[in-house]
Amino acid sequence: MTTTLERPMTTATVGDLMRTPELQISDDVTADTAMDILHSSGADHILVRTDDGRCAGLLTRLHLAPFQARSWYTERTPVRDIVLDRGPFATADMTATDAVAAMRSRGLDAWPVVDHDGRAIGLLSV
């Protein structure tokens, strides 16, 4: 009589590892306001959503670096006009191994997680 492992090995998914994003803003918020939020919170990034709740991307301090001078331009520039990583994003059913590999290849420390309608449901960080 031989013994075999009957149970298949489980694979962690993005849904198992994601967390709720602490900071979220609408894409119509100005660069000025986004900088204030990042600086006051000490965070490195903010999840950006469209008016209908879909994920618009992840805004980082690096994305806001060109706006540090705080001119009239930053007071009028909405976040939606800033070049940032707009996808594709992770999904909760994606394997964690695939997600981490994609993040490394794209140079990301954090990656938005969306449902199948594109609405932000979490954030994966490595």
N, C-alpha and C. Protein backbone atom coordinates (compact mmCIF):
# COMPACT_ATOMS: atom_id res chain seq x y z
N MET A 1 0.83 -1.17 0.00
CA MET A 1 0.00 0.00 0.00
C MET A 1 0.88 1.24 0.00
N THR A 2 0.66 2.08 -0.97
CA THR A 2 1.44 3.31 -1.05
C THR A 2 0.60 4.49 -0.59
N THR A 3 1.27 5.48 -0.05
CA THR A 3 0.55 6.68 0.38
C THR A 3 0.86 7.82 -0.57
N THR A 4 -0.13 8.55 -0.87
CA THR A 4 0.04 9.72 -1.74
C THR A 4 -0.65 10.91 -1.10
N LEU A 5 -0.22 12.04 -1.49
CA LEU A 5 -0.89 13.25 -1.03
C LEU A 5 -2.16 13.42 -1.82
N GLU A 6 -3.27 13.32 -1.18
CA GLU A 6 -4.56 13.44 -1.85
C GLU A 6 -4.94 14.90 -2.09
N ARG A 7 -4.52 15.75 -1.17
CA ARG A 7 -4.90 17.15 -1.23
C ARG A 7 -3.95 17.93 -2.14
N PRO A 8 -4.48 18.71 -3.10
CA PRO A 8 -3.60 19.51 -3.93
C PRO A 8 -3.01 20.66 -3.12
N MET A 9 -1.81 21.06 -3.47
CA MET A 9 -1.17 22.18 -2.79
C MET A 9 -1.93 23.46 -3.12
N THR A 10 -2.23 24.25 -2.10
CA THR A 10 -2.95 25.50 -2.33
C THR A 10 -1.99 26.59 -2.75
N THR A 11 -2.47 27.45 -3.59
CA THR A 11 -1.68 28.56 -4.07
C THR A 11 -2.30 29.86 -3.59
N ALA A 12 -1.49 30.71 -2.99
CA ALA A 12 -1.99 32.00 -2.51
C ALA A 12 -2.40 32.87 -3.69
N THR A 13 -3.48 33.60 -3.49
CA THR A 13 -3.95 34.53 -4.52
C THR A 13 -3.73 35.96 -4.05
N VAL A 14 -3.90 36.89 -4.96
CA VAL A 14 -3.80 38.31 -4.62
C VAL A 14 -4.86 38.65 -3.57
N GLY A 15 -6.04 38.06 -3.69
CA GLY A 15 -7.11 38.30 -2.73
C GLY A 15 -6.72 37.91 -1.31
N ASP A 16 -5.86 36.90 -1.18
CA ASP A 16 -5.40 36.46 0.14
C ASP A 16 -4.43 37.47 0.76
N LEU A 17 -3.70 38.20 -0.07
CA LEU A 17 -2.62 39.05 0.41
C LEU A 17 -2.91 40.55 0.34
N MET A 18 -3.93 40.94 -0.38
CA MET A 18 -4.20 42.37 -0.55
C MET A 18 -4.72 42.98 0.74
N ARG A 19 -4.60 44.29 0.81
CA ARG A 19 -5.13 45.02 1.95
C ARG A 19 -5.95 46.19 1.42
N THR A 20 -6.74 46.77 2.28
CA THR A 20 -7.54 47.93 1.90
C THR A 20 -6.62 49.14 1.80
N PRO A 21 -6.69 49.89 0.70
CA PRO A 21 -5.82 51.06 0.59
C PRO A 21 -6.21 52.12 1.63
N GLU A 22 -5.21 52.65 2.32
CA GLU A 22 -5.48 53.63 3.36
C GLU A 22 -5.89 54.98 2.77
N LEU A 23 -5.25 55.36 1.70
CA LEU A 23 -5.54 56.65 1.09
C LEU A 23 -6.13 56.47 -0.29
N GLN A 24 -7.23 57.17 -0.55
CA GLN A 24 -7.87 57.14 -1.86
C GLN A 24 -8.35 58.55 -2.18
N ILE A 25 -8.17 58.92 -3.43
CA ILE A 25 -8.66 60.23 -3.88
C ILE A 25 -9.35 60.08 -5.22
N SER A 26 -10.15 61.06 -5.55
CA SER A 26 -10.80 61.11 -6.85
C SER A 26 -9.82 61.66 -7.87
N ASP A 27 -9.99 61.32 -9.12
CA ASP A 27 -9.08 61.79 -10.15
C ASP A 27 -9.25 63.27 -10.49
N ASP A 28 -10.25 63.94 -9.88
CA ASP A 28 -10.40 65.37 -10.12
C ASP A 28 -9.72 66.23 -9.05
N VAL A 29 -9.10 65.59 -8.07
CA VAL A 29 -8.33 66.30 -7.04
C VAL A 29 -7.11 66.93 -7.71
N THR A 30 -6.72 68.12 -7.27
CA THR A 30 -5.57 68.79 -7.88
C THR A 30 -4.25 68.22 -7.37
N ALA A 31 -3.20 68.44 -8.14
CA ALA A 31 -1.86 67.99 -7.76
C ALA A 31 -1.46 68.58 -6.42
N ASP A 32 -1.81 69.83 -6.19
CA ASP A 32 -1.53 70.50 -4.91
C ASP A 32 -2.11 69.73 -3.73
N THR A 33 -3.38 69.39 -3.84
CA THR A 33 -4.07 68.68 -2.77
C THR A 33 -3.49 67.29 -2.58
N ALA A 34 -3.19 66.61 -3.67
CA ALA A 34 -2.60 65.27 -3.59
C ALA A 34 -1.25 65.32 -2.87
N MET A 35 -0.44 66.33 -3.17
CA MET A 35 0.85 66.47 -2.48
C MET A 35 0.65 66.70 -0.99
N ASP A 36 -0.32 67.55 -0.64
CA ASP A 36 -0.61 67.80 0.78
C ASP A 36 -1.03 66.53 1.50
N ILE A 37 -1.85 65.72 0.85
CA ILE A 37 -2.31 64.47 1.45
C ILE A 37 -1.14 63.52 1.67
N LEU A 38 -0.29 63.38 0.66
CA LEU A 38 0.87 62.49 0.79
C LEU A 38 1.81 62.96 1.89
N HIS A 39 2.11 64.24 1.90
CA HIS A 39 3.06 64.76 2.88
C HIS A 39 2.51 64.68 4.31
N SER A 40 1.24 64.99 4.50
CA SER A 40 0.68 64.97 5.85
C SER A 40 0.50 63.55 6.37
N SER A 41 0.29 62.59 5.47
CA SER A 41 0.08 61.21 5.90
C SER A 41 1.39 60.43 6.05
N GLY A 42 2.43 60.89 5.37
CA GLY A 42 3.69 60.16 5.37
C GLY A 42 3.68 58.95 4.45
N ALA A 43 2.61 58.80 3.67
CA ALA A 43 2.48 57.66 2.75
C ALA A 43 3.32 57.88 1.50
N ASP A 44 3.57 56.79 0.81
CA ASP A 44 4.33 56.85 -0.44
C ASP A 44 3.43 56.88 -1.67
N HIS A 45 2.14 56.54 -1.49
CA HIS A 45 1.25 56.46 -2.64
C HIS A 45 -0.21 56.67 -2.23
N ILE A 46 -1.02 57.00 -3.23
CA ILE A 46 -2.46 57.18 -3.05
C ILE A 46 -3.16 56.46 -4.20
N LEU A 47 -4.21 55.72 -3.89
CA LEU A 47 -5.02 55.08 -4.91
C LEU A 47 -5.93 56.14 -5.52
N VAL A 48 -5.97 56.21 -6.84
CA VAL A 48 -6.79 57.20 -7.54
C VAL A 48 -7.97 56.48 -8.18
N ARG A 49 -9.16 57.05 -7.95
CA ARG A 49 -10.39 56.48 -8.51
C ARG A 49 -11.08 57.50 -9.41
N THR A 50 -11.82 56.98 -10.37
CA THR A 50 -12.65 57.85 -11.20
C THR A 50 -13.94 58.14 -10.44
N ASP A 51 -14.78 59.01 -10.99
CA ASP A 51 -16.04 59.35 -10.33
C ASP A 51 -16.95 58.14 -10.12
N ASP A 52 -16.86 57.15 -11.00
CA ASP A 52 -17.73 55.98 -10.86
C ASP A 52 -17.07 54.84 -10.06
N GLY A 53 -15.95 55.12 -9.40
CA GLY A 53 -15.30 54.14 -8.54
C GLY A 53 -14.30 53.23 -9.21
N ARG A 54 -14.11 53.39 -10.49
CA ARG A 54 -13.12 52.55 -11.17
C ARG A 54 -11.72 53.02 -10.83
N CYS A 55 -10.80 52.09 -10.83
CA CYS A 55 -9.42 52.40 -10.50
C CYS A 55 -8.77 53.19 -11.64
N ALA A 56 -8.21 54.34 -11.31
CA ALA A 56 -7.52 55.16 -12.31
C ALA A 56 -6.02 55.00 -12.21
N GLY A 57 -5.52 54.41 -11.12
CA GLY A 57 -4.09 54.19 -10.99
C GLY A 57 -3.61 54.44 -9.58
N LEU A 58 -2.31 54.42 -9.44
CA LEU A 58 -1.66 54.65 -8.16
C LEU A 58 -0.73 55.83 -8.32
N LEU A 59 -0.95 56.87 -7.55
CA LEU A 59 -0.16 58.09 -7.61
C LEU A 59 0.91 58.02 -6.53
N THR A 60 2.17 58.23 -6.91
CA THR A 60 3.28 58.17 -5.96
C THR A 60 3.94 59.53 -5.82
N ARG A 61 4.82 59.64 -4.85
CA ARG A 61 5.59 60.87 -4.67
C ARG A 61 6.42 61.18 -5.91
N LEU A 62 6.92 60.15 -6.56
CA LEU A 62 7.70 60.35 -7.78
C LEU A 62 6.86 60.99 -8.88
N HIS A 63 5.61 60.59 -9.01
CA HIS A 63 4.72 61.18 -10.00
C HIS A 63 4.49 62.67 -9.73
N LEU A 64 4.52 63.03 -8.46
CA LEU A 64 4.24 64.42 -8.08
C LEU A 64 5.50 65.29 -8.02
N ALA A 65 6.67 64.70 -8.20
CA ALA A 65 7.92 65.46 -8.13
C ALA A 65 7.94 66.68 -9.05
N PRO A 66 7.45 66.59 -10.29
CA PRO A 66 7.48 67.78 -11.17
C PRO A 66 6.61 68.94 -10.66
N PHE A 67 5.75 68.68 -9.71
CA PHE A 67 4.83 69.71 -9.21
C PHE A 67 5.28 70.32 -7.89
N GLN A 68 6.47 69.98 -7.43
CA GLN A 68 6.96 70.45 -6.14
C GLN A 68 7.10 71.97 -6.04
N ALA A 69 7.25 72.64 -7.17
CA ALA A 69 7.44 74.10 -7.16
C ALA A 69 6.17 74.83 -6.70
N ARG A 70 5.03 74.18 -6.78
CA ARG A 70 3.75 74.76 -6.33
C ARG A 70 3.42 76.07 -7.03
N SER A 71 3.27 76.01 -8.30
CA SER A 71 2.89 77.20 -9.07
C SER A 71 1.38 77.21 -9.29
N TRP A 72 0.91 78.20 -10.02
CA TRP A 72 -0.51 78.26 -10.38
C TRP A 72 -0.91 77.00 -11.15
N TYR A 73 0.06 76.41 -11.84
CA TYR A 73 -0.20 75.21 -12.63
C TYR A 73 -0.61 74.04 -11.73
N THR A 74 0.06 73.86 -10.58
CA THR A 74 -0.28 72.74 -9.70
C THR A 74 -1.63 72.94 -9.04
N GLU A 75 -2.04 74.19 -8.88
CA GLU A 75 -3.34 74.46 -8.28
C GLU A 75 -4.49 74.11 -9.22
N ARG A 76 -4.19 74.01 -10.50
CA ARG A 76 -5.24 73.74 -11.49
C ARG A 76 -5.11 72.40 -12.19
N THR A 77 -4.06 71.67 -11.92
CA THR A 77 -3.85 70.39 -12.61
C THR A 77 -4.51 69.25 -11.85
N PRO A 78 -5.54 68.64 -12.44
CA PRO A 78 -6.15 67.48 -11.77
C PRO A 78 -5.25 66.25 -11.89
N VAL A 79 -5.36 65.38 -10.93
CA VAL A 79 -4.56 64.16 -10.91
C VAL A 79 -4.75 63.35 -12.19
N ARG A 80 -5.94 63.39 -12.79
CA ARG A 80 -6.19 62.61 -14.01
C ARG A 80 -5.26 63.03 -15.16
N ASP A 81 -4.69 64.26 -15.09
CA ASP A 81 -3.79 64.73 -16.14
C ASP A 81 -2.32 64.40 -15.87
N ILE A 82 -2.03 63.78 -14.74
CA ILE A 82 -0.66 63.41 -14.39
C ILE A 82 -0.37 62.01 -14.94
N VAL A 83 0.80 61.85 -15.52
CA VAL A 83 1.18 60.54 -16.05
C VAL A 83 1.49 59.62 -14.88
N LEU A 84 0.72 58.52 -14.77
CA LEU A 84 0.94 57.52 -13.73
C LEU A 84 0.59 56.15 -14.28
N ASP A 85 0.92 55.13 -13.51
CA ASP A 85 0.67 53.75 -13.94
C ASP A 85 -0.83 53.49 -13.93
N ARG A 86 -1.42 53.33 -15.11
CA ARG A 86 -2.87 53.19 -15.24
C ARG A 86 -3.31 51.77 -15.57
N GLY A 87 -2.47 50.83 -15.44
CA GLY A 87 -2.90 49.47 -15.64
C GLY A 87 -2.08 48.75 -16.68
N PRO A 88 -2.32 47.50 -16.86
CA PRO A 88 -3.39 46.72 -16.24
C PRO A 88 -3.12 46.54 -14.74
N PHE A 89 -4.18 46.22 -14.02
CA PHE A 89 -4.09 46.04 -12.57
C PHE A 89 -4.27 44.58 -12.21
N ALA A 90 -3.94 44.27 -10.97
CA ALA A 90 -4.11 42.91 -10.46
C ALA A 90 -5.60 42.64 -10.20
N THR A 91 -5.96 41.36 -10.21
CA THR A 91 -7.30 40.94 -9.82
C THR A 91 -7.16 40.00 -8.62
N ALA A 92 -8.19 39.90 -7.82
CA ALA A 92 -8.14 39.10 -6.59
C ALA A 92 -7.88 37.62 -6.85
N ASP A 93 -8.30 37.11 -8.01
CA ASP A 93 -8.12 35.69 -8.29
C ASP A 93 -6.78 35.36 -8.96
N MET A 94 -5.97 36.36 -9.22
CA MET A 94 -4.64 36.16 -9.80
C MET A 94 -3.73 35.51 -8.76
N THR A 95 -2.86 34.61 -9.19
CA THR A 95 -1.96 33.99 -8.21
C THR A 95 -0.96 35.04 -7.72
N ALA A 96 -0.60 34.92 -6.46
CA ALA A 96 0.34 35.86 -5.85
C ALA A 96 1.69 35.80 -6.57
N THR A 97 2.09 34.61 -6.98
CA THR A 97 3.36 34.45 -7.68
C THR A 97 3.38 35.23 -8.98
N ASP A 98 2.30 35.14 -9.75
CA ASP A 98 2.21 35.88 -11.01
C ASP A 98 2.18 37.39 -10.76
N ALA A 99 1.46 37.79 -9.73
CA ALA A 99 1.34 39.22 -9.42
C ALA A 99 2.69 39.81 -9.01
N VAL A 100 3.41 39.11 -8.16
CA VAL A 100 4.71 39.60 -7.71
C VAL A 100 5.69 39.66 -8.89
N ALA A 101 5.65 38.68 -9.77
CA ALA A 101 6.51 38.69 -10.95
C ALA A 101 6.18 39.89 -11.85
N ALA A 102 4.89 40.16 -12.03
CA ALA A 102 4.48 41.31 -12.85
C ALA A 102 4.91 42.62 -12.20
N MET A 103 4.78 42.71 -10.89
CA MET A 103 5.19 43.92 -10.19
C MET A 103 6.69 44.16 -10.32
N ARG A 104 7.45 43.11 -10.17
CA ARG A 104 8.92 43.26 -10.30
C ARG A 104 9.31 43.67 -11.71
N SER A 105 8.67 43.09 -12.70
CA SER A 105 9.02 43.42 -14.09
C SER A 105 8.65 44.86 -14.43
N ARG A 106 7.64 45.41 -13.74
CA ARG A 106 7.21 46.78 -13.98
C ARG A 106 7.80 47.77 -12.98
N GLY A 107 8.60 47.27 -12.03
CA GLY A 107 9.24 48.13 -11.04
C GLY A 107 8.26 48.73 -10.04
N LEU A 108 7.22 47.98 -9.66
CA LEU A 108 6.20 48.49 -8.75
C LEU A 108 6.40 47.94 -7.34
N ASP A 109 6.20 48.79 -6.34
CA ASP A 109 6.21 48.36 -4.94
C ASP A 109 4.79 48.07 -4.46
N ALA A 110 3.82 48.68 -5.11
CA ALA A 110 2.41 48.49 -4.77
C ALA A 110 1.62 48.45 -6.08
N TRP A 111 0.53 47.66 -6.07
CA TRP A 111 -0.27 47.48 -7.28
C TRP A 111 -1.74 47.44 -6.91
N PRO A 112 -2.56 48.28 -7.53
CA PRO A 112 -3.99 48.24 -7.25
C PRO A 112 -4.60 46.90 -7.65
N VAL A 113 -5.60 46.47 -6.88
CA VAL A 113 -6.35 45.25 -7.17
C VAL A 113 -7.77 45.69 -7.52
N VAL A 114 -8.27 45.19 -8.64
CA VAL A 114 -9.59 45.58 -9.11
C VAL A 114 -10.49 44.36 -9.26
N ASP A 115 -11.81 44.61 -9.23
CA ASP A 115 -12.74 43.54 -9.54
C ASP A 115 -12.87 43.47 -11.06
N HIS A 116 -13.74 42.61 -11.55
CA HIS A 116 -13.83 42.42 -12.99
C HIS A 116 -14.55 43.57 -13.71
N ASP A 117 -15.06 44.55 -12.94
CA ASP A 117 -15.63 45.76 -13.52
C ASP A 117 -14.65 46.92 -13.48
N GLY A 118 -13.45 46.68 -12.94
CA GLY A 118 -12.43 47.72 -12.87
C GLY A 118 -12.50 48.60 -11.64
N ARG A 119 -13.34 48.22 -10.68
CA ARG A 119 -13.45 48.99 -9.44
C ARG A 119 -12.35 48.55 -8.46
N ALA A 120 -11.71 49.51 -7.85
CA ALA A 120 -10.63 49.21 -6.91
C ALA A 120 -11.18 48.53 -5.67
N ILE A 121 -10.58 47.38 -5.31
CA ILE A 121 -11.01 46.65 -4.13
C ILE A 121 -9.88 46.46 -3.13
N GLY A 122 -8.66 46.76 -3.51
CA GLY A 122 -7.55 46.57 -2.59
C GLY A 122 -6.23 47.03 -3.19
N LEU A 123 -5.18 46.71 -2.44
CA LEU A 123 -3.84 47.09 -2.85
C LEU A 123 -2.89 45.97 -2.45
N LEU A 124 -2.03 45.58 -3.36
CA LEU A 124 -1.03 44.55 -3.10
C LEU A 124 0.32 45.25 -2.98
N SER A 125 1.02 44.99 -1.88
CA SER A 125 2.34 45.58 -1.68
C SER A 125 3.36 44.48 -1.47
N VAL A 126 4.57 44.74 -1.96
CA VAL A 126 5.67 43.77 -1.74
C VAL A 126 6.74 44.38 -0.89
